[in-house]
Amino acid sequence: MAADTFGAVVLTGGGGVRLGGVDKASIEIGGQTLLEHALGAVVEAAEIVVVGTEVPTSRPATFTREDPAGGGPAAGLLAGLDAFARRPERVVVLAVDMPLVTPDTVRRLVRASGEEPGHDGAVLVDASGRDQYLCAAYSVAAIEEAAAPASAHGLSMRDLVSGLRLARVPAVGDEAGDLDTWEDLARFRDAGAQADQ
């Protein structure tokens, strides 16, 4: 497998509590759903698995769900790994609510995850210094080893990857921003409108 070949898992779950239970994946920004934005960001992946409700998409993707549903992002990632037709050596995980992540973001993560011997992956870091574990590239073997002793249901991504050696990749601009509230949605839509002008 080539050094820059990777699989991708897009996580569309989460209750969207602060959005009144709205399905985040179906929210539109700039004429595209958040799911389509995410699929565009990971377009260079050899295979894409979406963890969530199956819907028509513009790009090929395999859909799956964690069992039981609602197990959280770590359980979703592990379910996504189980759904690959061909197990990748590295996986990019992306939460569906990060609409400013681009293929360049993903390239930087994949590159950083393989640069230093002994690293288990690379994680995007926002302007405040917070690691965005749901925008990262991980060694599949390292993730599976970390998950082996624990039940994934309810496990946080922070806890899952706490023992991994991760390169930290600084975000460019607002690409690490996520959409949790109606105010976030308005901000992203305003940013998209300004970019189109």
Protein backbone atom coordinates (compact mmCIF):
# COMPACT_ATOMS: atom_id res chain seq x y z
CA MET A 1 0.00 0.00 0.00
CA ALA A 2 1.41 3.42 -0.95
CA ALA A 3 2.53 5.67 1.88
CA ASP A 4 -0.13 8.25 1.08
CA THR A 5 -3.00 5.75 0.72
CA PHE A 6 -5.61 5.92 3.44
CA GLY A 7 -9.20 5.10 4.23
CA ALA A 8 -11.70 7.56 5.65
CA VAL A 9 -14.47 7.28 8.24
CA VAL A 10 -17.02 10.10 8.32
CA LEU A 11 -19.03 10.23 11.54
CA THR A 12 -22.54 11.65 11.12
CA GLY A 13 -23.92 10.62 14.50
CA GLY A 14 -24.53 12.73 17.55
CA GLY A 15 -27.84 14.00 18.77
CA GLY A 16 -27.46 17.60 17.64
CA VAL A 17 -28.93 18.52 21.04
CA ARG A 18 -28.09 22.21 20.81
CA LEU A 19 -29.69 22.27 17.37
CA GLY A 20 -32.95 20.84 18.66
CA GLY A 21 -32.18 17.31 17.47
CA VAL A 22 -31.67 18.31 13.82
CA ASP A 23 -29.75 15.79 11.70
CA LYS A 24 -26.47 17.65 11.22
CA ALA A 25 -25.50 15.68 8.12
CA SER A 26 -28.48 17.11 6.22
CA ILE A 27 -27.84 20.77 7.08
CA GLU A 28 -26.90 22.77 3.98
CA ILE A 29 -24.14 25.36 3.67
CA GLY A 30 -23.40 26.88 0.28
CA GLY A 31 -25.83 24.55 -1.44
CA GLN A 32 -24.22 21.37 -0.08
CA THR A 33 -25.12 19.24 2.89
CA LEU A 34 -22.57 18.85 5.65
CA LEU A 35 -22.21 15.22 4.59
CA GLU A 36 -21.31 16.28 1.05
CA HIS A 37 -18.77 18.78 2.44
CA ALA A 38 -17.20 15.96 4.46
CA LEU A 39 -17.13 13.56 1.51
CA GLY A 40 -15.45 16.27 -0.55
CA ALA A 41 -12.80 16.74 2.13
CA VAL A 42 -11.86 13.02 2.11
CA VAL A 43 -12.23 12.58 -1.66
CA GLU A 44 -8.65 11.28 -1.97
CA ALA A 45 -9.30 8.33 0.35
CA ALA A 46 -9.04 4.87 -1.22
CA GLU A 47 -12.36 3.97 0.46
CA ILE A 48 -14.89 5.98 2.46
CA VAL A 49 -17.16 4.63 5.19
CA VAL A 50 -19.95 6.79 6.59
CA VAL A 51 -21.20 5.92 10.06
CA GLY A 52 -24.81 7.03 10.13
CA THR A 53 -28.14 6.79 8.36
CA GLU A 54 -27.78 5.85 4.69
CA VAL A 55 -28.71 8.62 2.25
CA PRO A 56 -27.98 9.20 -1.44
CA THR A 57 -24.54 10.76 -1.97
CA SER A 58 -22.64 12.20 -4.90
CA ARG A 59 -19.56 10.06 -4.16
CA PRO A 60 -19.30 6.32 -3.49
CA ALA A 61 -19.42 5.47 0.21
CA THR A 62 -20.23 2.49 2.38
CA PHE A 63 -22.73 3.15 5.16
CA THR A 64 -22.73 1.41 8.54
CA ARG A 65 -23.87 2.01 12.12
CA GLU A 66 -22.35 1.26 15.50
CA ASP A 67 -24.25 -1.43 17.42
CA PRO A 68 -25.99 -0.40 19.53
CA ALA A 69 -26.56 2.98 17.95
CA GLY A 70 -25.70 6.06 19.97
CA GLY A 71 -22.44 4.62 21.27
CA GLY A 72 -20.45 7.77 20.62
CA PRO A 73 -17.61 8.67 18.26
CA ALA A 74 -15.11 6.01 19.37
CA ALA A 75 -17.69 3.27 18.84
CA GLY A 76 -18.56 4.88 15.50
CA LEU A 77 -14.93 4.88 14.37
CA LEU A 78 -14.50 1.21 15.29
CA ALA A 79 -17.71 0.30 13.46
CA GLY A 80 -16.39 2.21 10.46
CA LEU A 81 -13.12 0.25 10.54
CA ASP A 82 -15.08 -3.01 10.55
CA ALA A 83 -16.95 -1.92 7.40
CA PHE A 84 -13.95 -1.43 5.11
CA ALA A 85 -13.82 -3.87 2.22
CA ARG A 86 -10.02 -3.68 2.45
CA ARG A 87 -8.48 -2.78 5.80
CA PRO A 88 -6.34 0.37 5.39
CA GLU A 89 -3.11 0.98 7.27
CA ARG A 90 -4.21 4.51 8.10
CA VAL A 91 -7.62 6.03 8.55
CA VAL A 92 -8.73 9.64 8.48
CA VAL A 93 -11.66 10.25 10.80
CA LEU A 94 -13.80 13.32 10.20
CA ALA A 95 -16.85 14.56 12.07
CA VAL A 96 -19.59 15.68 9.70
CA ASP A 97 -19.97 19.01 11.48
CA MET A 98 -16.62 20.49 10.35
CA PRO A 99 -17.55 22.13 7.02
CA LEU A 100 -14.31 24.09 6.53
CA VAL A 101 -12.11 20.98 6.43
CA THR A 102 -10.77 20.54 2.88
CA PRO A 103 -8.72 17.99 0.95
CA ASP A 104 -5.66 20.10 1.84
CA THR A 105 -6.45 19.72 5.56
CA VAL A 106 -6.65 15.96 5.09
CA ARG A 107 -3.39 15.87 3.09
CA ARG A 108 -1.55 17.72 5.86
CA LEU A 109 -2.85 15.27 8.46
CA VAL A 110 -1.95 12.21 6.40
CA ARG A 111 1.52 13.61 5.67
CA ALA A 112 2.16 14.45 9.34
CA SER A 113 0.93 11.04 10.47
CA GLY A 114 3.68 9.35 8.49
CA GLU A 115 6.57 11.79 8.89
CA GLU A 116 7.98 10.78 12.26
CA PRO A 117 8.84 7.15 13.03
CA GLY A 118 6.92 5.98 16.06
CA HIS A 119 3.97 8.30 15.60
CA ASP A 120 0.54 6.70 15.71
CA GLY A 121 -1.14 9.49 13.79
CA ALA A 122 -1.76 13.21 13.56
CA VAL A 123 -4.52 15.43 14.94
CA LEU A 124 -5.75 18.87 13.89
CA VAL A 125 -5.26 21.55 16.56
CA ASP A 126 -7.55 24.58 16.70
CA ALA A 127 -6.50 28.17 17.41
CA SER A 128 -7.05 27.73 21.15
CA GLY A 129 -4.71 24.73 21.25
CA ARG A 130 -7.48 22.14 21.52
CA ASP A 131 -6.90 18.81 19.79
CA GLN A 132 -9.71 17.91 17.38
CA TYR A 133 -9.68 14.13 17.71
CA LEU A 134 -12.51 13.90 15.16
CA CYS A 135 -10.34 15.49 12.48
CA ALA A 136 -7.28 13.30 12.49
CA ALA A 137 -5.32 10.57 10.74
CA TYR A 138 -4.62 7.44 12.78
CA SER A 139 -2.75 4.17 12.43
CA VAL A 140 -5.47 1.54 12.23
CA ALA A 141 -3.30 -0.95 14.13
CA ALA A 142 -2.77 1.58 16.94
CA ILE A 143 -6.50 2.33 17.19
CA GLU A 144 -7.39 -1.35 17.28
CA GLU A 145 -4.76 -2.05 19.94
CA ALA A 146 -6.00 0.88 22.05
CA ALA A 147 -9.59 -0.33 21.78
CA ALA A 148 -8.87 -3.98 22.56
CA PRO A 149 -9.13 -3.89 26.36
CA ALA A 150 -12.18 -1.64 26.55
CA SER A 151 -15.82 -1.56 25.57
CA ALA A 152 -16.18 1.05 22.85
CA HIS A 153 -19.78 1.96 23.69
CA GLY A 154 -19.74 5.34 25.41
CA LEU A 155 -15.95 5.63 25.15
CA SER A 156 -14.75 9.12 24.23
CA MET A 157 -12.25 9.67 21.43
CA ARG A 158 -9.96 11.42 23.92
CA ASP A 159 -9.89 8.28 26.07
CA LEU A 160 -9.49 5.97 23.08
CA VAL A 161 -6.42 7.79 21.75
CA SER A 162 -4.93 8.93 25.08
CA GLY A 163 -2.05 6.48 24.81
CA LEU A 164 -1.25 7.20 21.16
CA ARG A 165 1.70 9.31 20.03
CA LEU A 166 0.13 11.95 17.81
CA ALA A 167 1.67 14.72 15.75
CA ARG A 168 -0.21 17.99 16.24
CA VAL A 169 -1.09 19.86 13.04
CA PRO A 170 -2.06 23.53 13.49
CA ALA A 171 -5.32 24.51 11.82
CA VAL A 172 -5.21 27.08 9.03
CA GLY A 173 -7.77 29.81 9.56
CA ASP A 174 -11.09 28.46 10.84
CA GLU A 175 -10.83 24.96 9.36
CA ALA A 176 -11.01 23.37 12.83
CA GLY A 177 -14.36 25.00 13.59
CA ASP A 178 -17.33 22.73 14.25
CA LEU A 179 -21.04 23.37 14.01
CA ASP A 180 -22.82 22.87 17.32
CA THR A 181 -25.29 25.76 17.53
CA TRP A 182 -27.55 27.87 15.31
CA GLU A 183 -25.05 30.71 15.80
CA ASP A 184 -22.30 28.48 14.38
CA LEU A 185 -24.50 27.72 11.37
CA ALA A 186 -25.11 31.42 10.71
CA ARG A 187 -21.36 32.09 10.98
CA PHE A 188 -20.46 29.34 8.53
CA ARG A 189 -23.15 30.46 6.09
CA ASP A 190 -21.92 34.07 6.30
CA ALA A 191 -18.35 32.92 5.69
CA GLY A 192 -19.49 30.93 2.66
CA ALA A 193 -21.42 33.87 1.25
CA GLN A 194 -18.41 36.15 1.64
CA ALA A 195 -16.15 33.61 -0.06
CA ASP A 196 -18.52 33.51 -3.03
CA GLN A 197 -18.42 37.29 -3.51
